[in-house]
């Protein structure tokens, strides 16, 4: 299996939780991330790949993330109920 480098943005709290889980399970942080990625739904991976498939999309995603962190340009919406 080949290796790839990916960049992700996570909160300090999320990183600390992942590091704690890695220590608890005797795994590396990379192994924890690999396990999490293996559990992603194929549709989620496809959507993420599409979002970063071009420099324009990637820049827009970074801008949206920066806005979210700063509390700018947020819209509140009512969620639809689950089908089940």
C-alpha atoms as a PDB file:
ATOM      1  CA  UNK A   1       0.000   0.000   0.000  1.00  0.00           C
ATOM      2  CA  UNK A   2       1.345   3.438  -0.898  1.00  0.00           C
ATOM      3  CA  UNK A   3       1.518   6.459   1.330  1.00  0.00           C
ATOM      4  CA  UNK A   4      -0.076   9.833   0.843  1.00  0.00           C
ATOM      5  CA  UNK A   5       0.195  13.114   2.656  1.00  0.00           C
ATOM      6  CA  UNK A   6      -3.017  14.912   3.497  1.00  0.00           C
ATOM      7  CA  UNK A   7      -3.636  18.174   5.281  1.00  0.00           C
ATOM      8  CA  UNK A   8      -6.613  18.460   7.595  1.00  0.00           C
ATOM      9  CA  UNK A   9      -7.868  21.154   9.902  1.00  0.00           C
ATOM     10  CA  UNK A  10      -8.996  20.047  13.329  1.00  0.00           C
ATOM     11  CA  UNK A  11      -9.553  21.857  16.565  1.00  0.00           C
ATOM     12  CA  UNK A  12      -6.990  21.586  19.334  1.00  0.00           C
ATOM     13  CA  UNK A  13      -9.604  19.694  21.335  1.00  0.00           C
ATOM     14  CA  UNK A  14     -10.137  17.139  18.561  1.00  0.00           C
ATOM     15  CA  UNK A  15      -6.388  16.654  18.159  1.00  0.00           C
ATOM     16  CA  UNK A  16      -5.964  16.162  21.912  1.00  0.00           C
ATOM     17  CA  UNK A  17      -8.772  13.565  21.920  1.00  0.00           C
ATOM     18  CA  UNK A  18      -7.175  11.677  19.017  1.00  0.00           C
ATOM     19  CA  UNK A  19      -3.768  11.765  20.707  1.00  0.00           C
ATOM     20  CA  UNK A  20      -5.324  10.512  23.960  1.00  0.00           C
ATOM     21  CA  UNK A  21      -7.053   7.682  22.116  1.00  0.00           C
ATOM     22  CA  UNK A  22      -3.789   6.762  20.409  1.00  0.00           C
ATOM     23  CA  UNK A  23      -1.972   6.595  23.764  1.00  0.00           C
ATOM     24  CA  UNK A  24      -4.815   4.614  25.322  1.00  0.00           C
ATOM     25  CA  UNK A  25      -4.805   2.057  22.488  1.00  0.00           C
ATOM     26  CA  UNK A  26      -1.015   1.939  22.107  1.00  0.00           C
ATOM     27  CA  UNK A  27      -1.197   3.248  18.547  1.00  0.00           C
ATOM     28  CA  UNK A  28       0.379   6.148  16.724  1.00  0.00           C
ATOM     29  CA  UNK A  29      -1.668   9.188  15.800  1.00  0.00           C
ATOM     30  CA  UNK A  30      -1.212   8.198  12.141  1.00  0.00           C
ATOM     31  CA  UNK A  31      -2.733   4.789  12.831  1.00  0.00           C
ATOM     32  CA  UNK A  32      -5.736   6.412  14.533  1.00  0.00           C
ATOM     33  CA  UNK A  33      -6.224   8.712  11.536  1.00  0.00           C
ATOM     34  CA  UNK A  34      -5.924   5.750   9.141  1.00  0.00           C
ATOM     35  CA  UNK A  35      -8.581   3.837  11.070  1.00  0.00           C
ATOM     36  CA  UNK A  36     -10.900   6.848  10.978  1.00  0.00           C
ATOM     37  CA  UNK A  37     -10.389   7.306   7.236  1.00  0.00           C
ATOM     38  CA  UNK A  38     -11.133   3.632   6.583  1.00  0.00           C
ATOM     39  CA  UNK A  39     -14.531   4.105   8.232  1.00  0.00           C
ATOM     40  CA  UNK A  40     -15.569   7.034   6.055  1.00  0.00           C
ATOM     41  CA  UNK A  41     -18.460   6.424   3.721  1.00  0.00           C
ATOM     42  CA  UNK A  42     -17.404   6.374   0.058  1.00  0.00           C
ATOM     43  CA  UNK A  43     -19.796   9.250  -0.660  1.00  0.00           C
ATOM     44  CA  UNK A  44     -18.153  11.374   2.021  1.00  0.00           C
ATOM     45  CA  UNK A  45     -14.729  10.724   0.548  1.00  0.00           C
ATOM     46  CA  UNK A  46     -15.983  11.544  -2.959  1.00  0.00           C
ATOM     47  CA  UNK A  47     -17.531  14.809  -1.751  1.00  0.00           C
ATOM     48  CA  UNK A  48     -14.346  15.824   0.028  1.00  0.00           C
ATOM     49  CA  UNK A  49     -12.210  14.893  -2.975  1.00  0.00           C
ATOM     50  CA  UNK A  50     -14.461  17.030  -5.169  1.00  0.00           C
ATOM     51  CA  UNK A  51     -14.185  19.984  -2.797  1.00  0.00           C
ATOM     52  CA  UNK A  52     -10.415  20.002  -3.095  1.00  0.00           C
ATOM     53  CA  UNK A  53     -10.205  18.860  -6.732  1.00  0.00           C
ATOM     54  CA  UNK A  54      -9.323  22.314  -8.003  1.00  0.00           C
ATOM     55  CA  UNK A  55      -7.387  25.201  -6.562  1.00  0.00           C
ATOM     56  CA  UNK A  56     -10.532  27.364  -6.733  1.00  0.00           C
ATOM     57  CA  UNK A  57     -12.596  24.843  -4.753  1.00  0.00           C
ATOM     58  CA  UNK A  58      -9.788  24.318  -2.228  1.00  0.00           C
ATOM     59  CA  UNK A  59      -9.407  28.079  -1.731  1.00  0.00           C
ATOM     60  CA  UNK A  60     -13.162  28.460  -1.190  1.00  0.00           C
ATOM     61  CA  UNK A  61     -13.140  25.618   1.344  1.00  0.00           C
ATOM     62  CA  UNK A  62     -10.246  27.261   3.244  1.00  0.00           C
ATOM     63  CA  UNK A  63     -12.108  30.585   3.181  1.00  0.00           C
ATOM     64  CA  UNK A  64     -15.286  28.961   4.508  1.00  0.00           C
ATOM     65  CA  UNK A  65     -13.343  27.253   7.279  1.00  0.00           C
ATOM     66  CA  UNK A  66     -11.667  30.538   8.247  1.00  0.00           C
ATOM     67  CA  UNK A  67     -15.074  32.239   8.298  1.00  0.00           C
ATOM     68  CA  UNK A  68     -16.499  29.456  10.459  1.00  0.00           C
ATOM     69  CA  UNK A  69     -13.630  29.728  12.958  1.00  0.00           C
ATOM     70  CA  UNK A  70     -14.136  33.508  13.129  1.00  0.00           C
ATOM     71  CA  UNK A  71     -17.926  33.196  13.427  1.00  0.00           C
ATOM     72  CA  UNK A  72     -18.512  35.055  10.143  1.00  0.00           C
ATOM     73  CA  UNK A  73     -21.031  34.376   7.381  1.00  0.00           C
ATOM     74  CA  UNK A  74     -22.893  31.698   9.318  1.00  0.00           C
ATOM     75  CA  UNK A  75     -26.467  30.757   8.497  1.00  0.00           C
ATOM     76  CA  UNK A  76     -28.700  28.922  10.915  1.00  0.00           C
ATOM     77  CA  UNK A  77     -31.056  26.414   9.340  1.00  0.00           C
ATOM     78  CA  UNK A  78     -33.624  24.015  10.690  1.00  0.00           C
ATOM     79  CA  UNK A  79     -32.610  20.415  10.161  1.00  0.00           C
ATOM     80  CA  UNK A  80     -34.947  18.000   8.462  1.00  0.00           C
ATOM     81  CA  UNK A  81     -36.053  15.007  10.522  1.00  0.00           C
ATOM     82  CA  UNK A  82     -34.414  11.631   9.866  1.00  0.00           C
ATOM     83  CA  UNK A  83     -36.397   9.171   7.764  1.00  0.00           C
ATOM     84  CA  UNK A  84     -36.304   6.530  10.490  1.00  0.00           C
END
